[in-house]
Amino acid sequence: MEKIIEKFVLKSLNVAISRLYIPPNKGGLGLIRLSSYLKAQKCSWIKRAHFKCIDNWRIDLKTLVSDGDITKIWFFDIEKNAHPILFGFISSFTDLIASHSKIGGNYREAFIFENPAFTYGEENRIVDKILFGHGFYEEYSVKIRDIRLIDCYNDENFKT
């Protein structure tokens, strides 16, 4: 769809494709990237489910997270083939969370588990079940998923 829109808009204009999505006050045409819009729309459904858990699909989302907090949901909490629509919502939401964690000082308050904004080692591995070990993770999964970067520090010193 984006390609069709781009071809239609550029049909009679002599404008670079890179300028299509730049705001008009910065020299662009101000088009909305369709893929970004659809991802944002999916994220809004996660927000609705978080604030009002009144439908079956919202309850399904809430039960995917062990403590029921939908804001901590990640793509690995659901099988893509089992719930393709919910998987789409969750994938868009986790992309948003990961991107948000990398902007400004947001990383301090971000959850570190399975967040691509936080890596360790020379291979830049993410903080996942492998780091904690399967048994330890299963026993403490709720606490592990609650860890934010700020929780790892005493004042300015990293906790051991």
N, C-alpha and C. Protein backbone atom coordinates (compact mmCIF):
# COMPACT_ATOMS: atom_id res chain seq x y z
N MET A 1 0.82 -1.19 0.00
CA MET A 1 0.00 0.00 0.00
C MET A 1 0.86 1.26 0.00
N GLU A 2 1.94 1.24 0.77
CA GLU A 2 2.80 2.43 0.81
C GLU A 2 3.37 2.74 -0.57
N LYS A 3 3.79 1.69 -1.27
CA LYS A 3 4.35 1.90 -2.61
C LYS A 3 3.30 2.48 -3.56
N ILE A 4 2.07 2.03 -3.46
CA ILE A 4 0.99 2.56 -4.30
C ILE A 4 0.76 4.03 -3.99
N ILE A 5 0.73 4.37 -2.70
CA ILE A 5 0.54 5.76 -2.29
C ILE A 5 1.70 6.62 -2.79
N GLU A 6 2.94 6.12 -2.63
CA GLU A 6 4.11 6.87 -3.09
C GLU A 6 4.04 7.13 -4.59
N LYS A 7 3.70 6.12 -5.37
CA LYS A 7 3.59 6.29 -6.83
C LYS A 7 2.52 7.31 -7.18
N PHE A 8 1.39 7.26 -6.48
CA PHE A 8 0.30 8.20 -6.75
C PHE A 8 0.72 9.63 -6.44
N VAL A 9 1.34 9.84 -5.28
CA VAL A 9 1.75 11.18 -4.87
C VAL A 9 2.85 11.72 -5.77
N LEU A 10 3.80 10.88 -6.13
CA LEU A 10 4.94 11.33 -6.92
C LEU A 10 4.64 11.42 -8.42
N LYS A 11 3.46 10.97 -8.82
CA LYS A 11 3.12 10.92 -10.24
C LYS A 11 3.36 12.26 -10.95
N SER A 12 2.88 13.33 -10.38
CA SER A 12 3.02 14.63 -11.05
C SER A 12 4.00 15.56 -10.33
N LEU A 13 4.63 15.07 -9.28
CA LEU A 13 5.56 15.92 -8.52
C LEU A 13 7.01 15.49 -8.77
N ASN A 14 7.88 16.46 -8.65
CA ASN A 14 9.30 16.18 -8.76
C ASN A 14 9.90 16.33 -7.36
N VAL A 15 9.64 15.31 -6.52
CA VAL A 15 10.07 15.33 -5.12
C VAL A 15 10.77 14.01 -4.82
N ALA A 16 11.83 14.07 -4.04
CA ALA A 16 12.55 12.86 -3.64
C ALA A 16 11.68 12.04 -2.69
N ILE A 17 11.75 10.73 -2.80
CA ILE A 17 10.97 9.85 -1.92
C ILE A 17 11.31 10.11 -0.46
N SER A 18 12.54 10.43 -0.17
CA SER A 18 12.94 10.67 1.22
C SER A 18 12.21 11.87 1.83
N ARG A 19 11.68 12.77 1.01
CA ARG A 19 10.98 13.96 1.51
C ARG A 19 9.49 13.72 1.73
N LEU A 20 8.98 12.59 1.29
CA LEU A 20 7.55 12.32 1.43
C LEU A 20 7.08 12.33 2.88
N TYR A 21 7.87 11.76 3.76
CA TYR A 21 7.44 11.54 5.14
C TYR A 21 8.01 12.57 6.13
N ILE A 22 8.72 13.54 5.63
CA ILE A 22 9.25 14.61 6.47
C ILE A 22 8.15 15.65 6.67
N PRO A 23 8.01 16.20 7.87
CA PRO A 23 6.97 17.21 8.11
C PRO A 23 7.14 18.43 7.19
N PRO A 24 6.04 19.07 6.81
CA PRO A 24 6.12 20.23 5.91
C PRO A 24 7.00 21.36 6.44
N ASN A 25 7.00 21.58 7.75
CA ASN A 25 7.82 22.67 8.30
C ASN A 25 9.32 22.38 8.22
N LYS A 26 9.67 21.15 7.81
CA LYS A 26 11.08 20.78 7.63
C LYS A 26 11.39 20.49 6.16
N GLY A 27 10.49 20.90 5.27
CA GLY A 27 10.74 20.78 3.84
C GLY A 27 10.19 19.53 3.18
N GLY A 28 9.34 18.79 3.86
CA GLY A 28 8.77 17.58 3.28
C GLY A 28 7.29 17.74 2.95
N LEU A 29 6.68 16.64 2.54
CA LEU A 29 5.26 16.66 2.20
C LEU A 29 4.36 16.28 3.38
N GLY A 30 4.92 15.71 4.42
CA GLY A 30 4.15 15.40 5.62
C GLY A 30 3.24 14.19 5.53
N LEU A 31 3.54 13.27 4.60
CA LEU A 31 2.73 12.05 4.54
C LEU A 31 2.97 11.20 5.78
N ILE A 32 1.99 10.41 6.13
CA ILE A 32 2.12 9.48 7.25
C ILE A 32 2.51 8.12 6.68
N ARG A 33 3.58 7.57 7.23
CA ARG A 33 4.02 6.25 6.79
C ARG A 33 2.98 5.23 7.26
N LEU A 34 2.37 4.53 6.33
CA LEU A 34 1.28 3.61 6.62
C LEU A 34 1.69 2.52 7.61
N SER A 35 2.87 1.97 7.45
CA SER A 35 3.33 0.90 8.35
C SER A 35 3.46 1.41 9.79
N SER A 36 3.96 2.63 9.96
CA SER A 36 4.08 3.21 11.31
C SER A 36 2.71 3.48 11.90
N TYR A 37 1.80 3.96 11.07
CA TYR A 37 0.44 4.24 11.53
C TYR A 37 -0.24 2.96 12.01
N LEU A 38 -0.11 1.89 11.25
CA LEU A 38 -0.74 0.63 11.63
C LEU A 38 -0.13 0.05 12.90
N LYS A 39 1.19 0.19 13.07
CA LYS A 39 1.83 -0.26 14.31
C LYS A 39 1.31 0.54 15.50
N ALA A 40 1.17 1.85 15.32
CA ALA A 40 0.65 2.70 16.39
C ALA A 40 -0.78 2.31 16.74
N GLN A 41 -1.56 1.99 15.74
CA GLN A 41 -2.94 1.58 15.98
C GLN A 41 -2.98 0.27 16.79
N LYS A 42 -2.09 -0.65 16.49
CA LYS A 42 -2.02 -1.90 17.24
C LYS A 42 -1.63 -1.65 18.69
N CYS A 43 -0.70 -0.72 18.88
CA CYS A 43 -0.27 -0.37 20.24
C CYS A 43 -1.44 0.24 21.03
N SER A 44 -2.30 0.97 20.35
CA SER A 44 -3.44 1.58 21.05
C SER A 44 -4.39 0.50 21.58
N TRP A 45 -4.44 -0.66 20.91
CA TRP A 45 -5.28 -1.74 21.41
C TRP A 45 -4.69 -2.35 22.67
N ILE A 46 -3.39 -2.39 22.77
CA ILE A 46 -2.74 -2.86 24.00
C ILE A 46 -3.07 -1.89 25.13
N LYS A 47 -3.02 -0.60 24.85
CA LYS A 47 -3.35 0.41 25.86
C LYS A 47 -4.79 0.25 26.33
N ARG A 48 -5.71 0.05 25.39
CA ARG A 48 -7.11 -0.14 25.75
C ARG A 48 -7.29 -1.36 26.65
N ALA A 49 -6.61 -2.43 26.30
CA ALA A 49 -6.71 -3.65 27.10
C ALA A 49 -6.14 -3.44 28.49
N HIS A 50 -5.09 -2.64 28.61
CA HIS A 50 -4.47 -2.37 29.90
C HIS A 50 -5.42 -1.60 30.82
N PHE A 51 -6.11 -0.61 30.28
CA PHE A 51 -6.98 0.22 31.11
C PHE A 51 -8.38 -0.34 31.31
N LYS A 52 -8.85 -1.16 30.39
CA LYS A 52 -10.20 -1.71 30.51
C LYS A 52 -10.21 -3.14 29.98
N CYS A 53 -10.14 -4.08 30.87
CA CYS A 53 -10.09 -5.49 30.49
C CYS A 53 -11.51 -6.07 30.48
N ILE A 54 -12.27 -5.76 29.40
CA ILE A 54 -13.69 -6.11 29.38
C ILE A 54 -14.08 -7.11 28.30
N ASP A 55 -13.20 -7.44 27.40
CA ASP A 55 -13.51 -8.38 26.31
C ASP A 55 -12.67 -9.64 26.45
N ASN A 56 -13.09 -10.68 25.76
CA ASN A 56 -12.35 -11.95 25.81
C ASN A 56 -10.92 -11.80 25.33
N TRP A 57 -10.69 -11.06 24.24
CA TRP A 57 -9.33 -10.92 23.72
C TRP A 57 -8.46 -10.13 24.70
N ARG A 58 -9.05 -9.19 25.43
CA ARG A 58 -8.28 -8.43 26.43
C ARG A 58 -7.92 -9.34 27.61
N ILE A 59 -8.86 -10.17 27.99
CA ILE A 59 -8.59 -11.12 29.08
C ILE A 59 -7.51 -12.11 28.64
N ASP A 60 -7.56 -12.54 27.37
CA ASP A 60 -6.51 -13.42 26.85
C ASP A 60 -5.14 -12.76 26.95
N LEU A 61 -5.07 -11.47 26.62
CA LEU A 61 -3.79 -10.74 26.74
C LEU A 61 -3.32 -10.72 28.19
N LYS A 62 -4.24 -10.42 29.09
CA LYS A 62 -3.88 -10.30 30.50
C LYS A 62 -3.39 -11.63 31.07
N THR A 63 -3.96 -12.74 30.62
CA THR A 63 -3.55 -14.04 31.15
C THR A 63 -2.21 -14.50 30.59
N LEU A 64 -1.73 -13.86 29.53
CA LEU A 64 -0.44 -14.24 28.96
C LEU A 64 0.73 -13.83 29.85
N VAL A 65 0.52 -12.83 30.69
CA VAL A 65 1.59 -12.35 31.58
C VAL A 65 1.29 -12.87 32.98
N SER A 66 2.29 -13.46 33.62
CA SER A 66 2.06 -14.16 34.90
C SER A 66 1.47 -13.26 35.99
N ASP A 67 1.81 -11.98 36.02
CA ASP A 67 1.23 -11.11 37.05
C ASP A 67 0.06 -10.28 36.52
N GLY A 68 -0.33 -10.51 35.27
CA GLY A 68 -1.49 -9.83 34.70
C GLY A 68 -1.25 -8.41 34.22
N ASP A 69 -0.01 -7.92 34.30
CA ASP A 69 0.30 -6.55 33.87
C ASP A 69 0.64 -6.56 32.37
N ILE A 70 -0.31 -6.12 31.56
CA ILE A 70 -0.16 -6.17 30.11
C ILE A 70 1.02 -5.32 29.62
N THR A 71 1.41 -4.31 30.37
CA THR A 71 2.52 -3.46 29.93
C THR A 71 3.85 -4.21 29.94
N LYS A 72 3.89 -5.38 30.55
CA LYS A 72 5.12 -6.18 30.58
C LYS A 72 5.11 -7.30 29.56
N ILE A 73 4.14 -7.30 28.67
CA ILE A 73 4.00 -8.39 27.70
C ILE A 73 5.07 -8.27 26.62
N TRP A 74 5.58 -9.41 26.17
CA TRP A 74 6.58 -9.46 25.11
C TRP A 74 6.17 -10.50 24.09
N PHE A 75 6.76 -10.44 22.92
CA PHE A 75 6.41 -11.31 21.81
C PHE A 75 6.55 -12.79 22.14
N PHE A 76 7.44 -13.15 23.07
CA PHE A 76 7.65 -14.56 23.39
C PHE A 76 6.55 -15.11 24.30
N ASP A 77 5.64 -14.26 24.77
CA ASP A 77 4.55 -14.70 25.63
C ASP A 77 3.42 -15.38 24.85
N ILE A 78 3.47 -15.32 23.54
CA ILE A 78 2.38 -15.85 22.73
C ILE A 78 2.93 -16.55 21.50
N GLU A 79 2.24 -17.59 21.08
CA GLU A 79 2.63 -18.29 19.85
C GLU A 79 1.98 -17.58 18.67
N LYS A 80 2.77 -17.29 17.67
CA LYS A 80 2.28 -16.57 16.50
C LYS A 80 1.10 -17.27 15.84
N ASN A 81 1.19 -18.57 15.70
CA ASN A 81 0.14 -19.31 15.00
C ASN A 81 -1.11 -19.49 15.85
N ALA A 82 -0.98 -19.48 17.17
CA ALA A 82 -2.13 -19.69 18.04
C ALA A 82 -3.06 -18.48 18.05
N HIS A 83 -2.49 -17.28 18.09
CA HIS A 83 -3.27 -16.04 18.13
C HIS A 83 -2.62 -15.01 17.22
N PRO A 84 -2.78 -15.11 15.90
CA PRO A 84 -2.06 -14.21 15.00
C PRO A 84 -2.40 -12.73 15.20
N ILE A 85 -3.62 -12.40 15.54
CA ILE A 85 -3.99 -10.99 15.73
C ILE A 85 -3.36 -10.45 17.00
N LEU A 86 -3.48 -11.21 18.10
CA LEU A 86 -2.85 -10.77 19.35
C LEU A 86 -1.34 -10.71 19.20
N PHE A 87 -0.77 -11.64 18.44
CA PHE A 87 0.67 -11.63 18.19
C PHE A 87 1.07 -10.33 17.48
N GLY A 88 0.26 -9.90 16.52
CA GLY A 88 0.53 -8.63 15.83
C GLY A 88 0.50 -7.45 16.78
N PHE A 89 -0.48 -7.43 17.67
CA PHE A 89 -0.57 -6.36 18.68
C PHE A 89 0.69 -6.35 19.54
N ILE A 90 1.05 -7.53 20.04
CA ILE A 90 2.17 -7.65 20.96
C ILE A 90 3.49 -7.32 20.27
N SER A 91 3.66 -7.76 19.03
CA SER A 91 4.90 -7.46 18.29
C SER A 91 5.07 -5.96 18.10
N SER A 92 4.00 -5.28 17.73
CA SER A 92 4.07 -3.82 17.55
C SER A 92 4.38 -3.14 18.88
N PHE A 93 3.76 -3.62 19.94
CA PHE A 93 3.97 -3.03 21.26
C PHE A 93 5.41 -3.22 21.74
N THR A 94 5.96 -4.42 21.55
CA THR A 94 7.34 -4.66 21.99
C THR A 94 8.33 -3.86 21.15
N ASP A 95 8.04 -3.66 19.87
CA ASP A 95 8.88 -2.78 19.04
C ASP A 95 8.87 -1.36 19.59
N LEU A 96 7.69 -0.89 19.99
CA LEU A 96 7.57 0.45 20.56
C LEU A 96 8.36 0.57 21.86
N ILE A 97 8.21 -0.40 22.75
CA ILE A 97 8.91 -0.38 24.03
C ILE A 97 10.43 -0.37 23.82
N ALA A 98 10.90 -1.22 22.92
CA ALA A 98 12.35 -1.29 22.65
C ALA A 98 12.86 0.03 22.09
N SER A 99 12.12 0.63 21.18
CA SER A 99 12.53 1.92 20.61
C SER A 99 12.47 3.03 21.65
N HIS A 100 11.42 3.03 22.45
CA HIS A 100 11.26 4.05 23.50
C HIS A 100 12.39 3.99 24.52
N SER A 101 12.87 2.78 24.81
CA SER A 101 13.95 2.60 25.78
C SER A 101 15.25 3.25 25.32
N LYS A 102 15.40 3.44 24.02
CA LYS A 102 16.65 3.97 23.47
C LYS A 102 16.64 5.49 23.31
N ILE A 103 15.53 6.14 23.64
CA ILE A 103 15.40 7.58 23.45
C ILE A 103 15.68 8.31 24.77
N GLY A 104 16.58 9.26 24.72
CA GLY A 104 16.87 10.09 25.89
C GLY A 104 17.22 9.26 27.12
N GLY A 105 16.64 9.61 28.24
CA GLY A 105 16.90 8.91 29.50
C GLY A 105 15.89 7.83 29.81
N ASN A 106 15.08 7.44 28.85
CA ASN A 106 14.03 6.44 29.08
C ASN A 106 14.59 5.08 29.50
N TYR A 107 15.83 4.81 29.14
CA TYR A 107 16.43 3.51 29.46
C TYR A 107 16.48 3.26 30.96
N ARG A 108 16.56 4.32 31.77
CA ARG A 108 16.65 4.14 33.22
C ARG A 108 15.43 3.44 33.79
N GLU A 109 14.25 3.76 33.27
CA GLU A 109 13.00 3.20 33.79
C GLU A 109 12.51 2.00 32.99
N ALA A 110 13.24 1.60 31.96
CA ALA A 110 12.80 0.51 31.09
C ALA A 110 13.08 -0.85 31.73
N PHE A 111 12.20 -1.81 31.44
CA PHE A 111 12.43 -3.18 31.86
C PHE A 111 13.58 -3.74 31.03
N ILE A 112 14.49 -4.47 31.67
CA ILE A 112 15.67 -4.94 30.95
C ILE A 112 15.50 -6.32 30.34
N PHE A 113 14.55 -7.12 30.83
CA PHE A 113 14.40 -8.49 30.35
C PHE A 113 13.89 -8.51 28.91
N GLU A 114 14.63 -9.18 28.03
CA GLU A 114 14.29 -9.35 26.61
C GLU A 114 14.17 -8.02 25.87
N ASN A 115 14.73 -6.97 26.41
CA ASN A 115 14.68 -5.66 25.77
C ASN A 115 15.97 -5.47 24.96
N PRO A 116 15.85 -5.33 23.64
CA PRO A 116 17.05 -5.20 22.81
C PRO A 116 17.87 -3.95 23.09
N ALA A 117 17.35 -3.05 23.89
CA ALA A 117 18.11 -1.86 24.27
C ALA A 117 19.21 -2.21 25.28
N PHE A 118 19.11 -3.38 25.91
CA PHE A 118 20.07 -3.79 26.93
C PHE A 118 20.76 -5.08 26.50
N THR A 119 22.07 -5.01 26.37
CA THR A 119 22.83 -6.19 25.97
C THR A 119 24.03 -6.36 26.90
N TYR A 120 24.63 -7.53 26.82
CA TYR A 120 25.82 -7.81 27.61
C TYR A 120 26.77 -8.69 26.79
N GLY A 121 28.03 -8.71 27.21
CA GLY A 121 29.02 -9.57 26.57
C GLY A 121 29.49 -9.02 25.23
N GLU A 122 30.50 -9.68 24.70
CA GLU A 122 31.08 -9.26 23.43
C GLU A 122 30.14 -9.52 22.25
N GLU A 123 29.23 -10.49 22.42
CA GLU A 123 28.30 -10.81 21.35
C GLU A 123 27.04 -9.95 21.40
N ASN A 124 26.97 -9.02 22.36
CA ASN A 124 25.80 -8.17 22.56
C ASN A 124 24.52 -8.99 22.69
N ARG A 125 24.53 -9.92 23.61
CA ARG A 125 23.36 -10.76 23.87
C ARG A 125 22.35 -9.99 24.70
N ILE A 126 21.08 -10.29 24.49
CA ILE A 126 20.05 -9.64 25.30
C ILE A 126 19.90 -10.39 26.62
N VAL A 127 19.33 -9.72 27.61
CA VAL A 127 19.08 -10.32 28.92
C VAL A 127 17.85 -11.21 28.76
N ASP A 128 18.06 -12.53 28.74
CA ASP A 128 16.97 -13.46 28.48
C ASP A 128 17.03 -14.66 29.42
N LYS A 129 16.19 -15.66 29.16
CA LYS A 129 16.12 -16.86 29.99
C LYS A 129 17.47 -17.57 30.06
N ILE A 130 18.22 -17.54 28.98
CA ILE A 130 19.51 -18.22 28.93
C ILE A 130 20.47 -17.65 29.98
N LEU A 131 20.44 -16.34 30.16
CA LEU A 131 21.31 -15.70 31.14
C LEU A 131 21.00 -16.21 32.55
N PHE A 132 19.73 -16.35 32.87
CA PHE A 132 19.32 -16.75 34.22
C PHE A 132 19.28 -18.26 34.41
N GLY A 133 19.18 -18.99 33.32
CA GLY A 133 18.99 -20.44 33.40
C GLY A 133 17.51 -20.74 33.48
N HIS A 134 17.08 -21.80 32.81
CA HIS A 134 15.66 -22.10 32.69
C HIS A 134 14.98 -22.29 34.05
N GLY A 135 15.56 -23.09 34.92
CA GLY A 135 14.95 -23.35 36.23
C GLY A 135 14.84 -22.11 37.08
N PHE A 136 15.92 -21.32 37.14
CA PHE A 136 15.91 -20.09 37.93
C PHE A 136 14.89 -19.10 37.36
N TYR A 137 14.85 -19.01 36.04
CA TYR A 137 13.88 -18.10 35.42
C TYR A 137 12.45 -18.53 35.73
N GLU A 138 12.15 -19.81 35.60
CA GLU A 138 10.79 -20.28 35.87
C GLU A 138 10.37 -19.97 37.30
N GLU A 139 11.28 -20.11 38.25
CA GLU A 139 10.96 -19.87 39.65
C GLU A 139 10.77 -18.38 39.95
N TYR A 140 11.56 -17.52 39.32
CA TYR A 140 11.55 -16.09 39.64
C TYR A 140 11.12 -15.21 38.46
N SER A 141 10.39 -15.76 37.52
CA SER A 141 10.07 -15.01 36.29
C SER A 141 9.36 -13.68 36.55
N VAL A 142 8.45 -13.64 37.50
CA VAL A 142 7.73 -12.39 37.77
C VAL A 142 8.69 -11.32 38.27
N LYS A 143 9.58 -11.69 39.19
CA LYS A 143 10.55 -10.73 39.72
C LYS A 143 11.56 -10.31 38.66
N ILE A 144 12.01 -11.26 37.85
CA ILE A 144 12.99 -10.95 36.80
C ILE A 144 12.39 -9.97 35.79
N ARG A 145 11.15 -10.20 35.40
CA ARG A 145 10.51 -9.33 34.41
C ARG A 145 10.20 -7.95 34.97
N ASP A 146 10.21 -7.80 36.30
CA ASP A 146 9.97 -6.51 36.94
C ASP A 146 11.23 -5.65 37.05
N ILE A 147 12.39 -6.20 36.72
CA ILE A 147 13.65 -5.46 36.89
C ILE A 147 13.78 -4.37 35.84
N ARG A 148 13.97 -3.17 36.32
CA ARG A 148 14.25 -2.01 35.47
C ARG A 148 15.73 -1.67 35.66
N LEU A 149 16.31 -0.95 34.74
CA LEU A 149 17.73 -0.62 34.87
C LEU A 149 18.00 0.12 36.18
N ILE A 150 17.13 1.01 36.55
CA ILE A 150 17.32 1.80 37.77
C ILE A 150 17.38 0.91 39.02
N ASP A 151 16.75 -0.28 38.97
CA ASP A 151 16.78 -1.21 40.09
C ASP A 151 18.14 -1.87 40.25
N CYS A 152 18.99 -1.78 39.26
CA CYS A 152 20.30 -2.42 39.28
C CYS A 152 21.38 -1.54 39.92
N TYR A 153 20.99 -0.35 40.39
CA TYR A 153 21.96 0.58 40.94
C TYR A 153 21.61 1.01 42.35
N ASN A 154 22.64 1.15 43.19
CA ASN A 154 22.56 1.84 44.48
C ASN A 154 23.20 3.17 44.25
N ASP A 155 22.41 4.22 44.23
CA ASP A 155 22.91 5.54 43.88
C ASP A 155 23.62 5.47 42.52
N GLU A 156 24.94 5.57 42.51
CA GLU A 156 25.69 5.55 41.25
C GLU A 156 26.43 4.23 41.02
N ASN A 157 26.33 3.29 41.98
CA ASN A 157 27.08 2.05 41.91
C ASN A 157 26.19 0.88 41.47
N PHE A 158 26.72 0.06 40.55
CA PHE A 158 26.00 -1.10 40.07
C PHE A 158 25.92 -2.16 41.17
N LYS A 159 24.73 -2.73 41.40
CA LYS A 159 24.57 -3.76 42.42
C LYS A 159 25.20 -5.06 41.93
N THR A 160 25.76 -5.83 42.84
CA THR A 160 26.31 -7.13 42.47
C THR A 160 25.29 -8.22 42.75
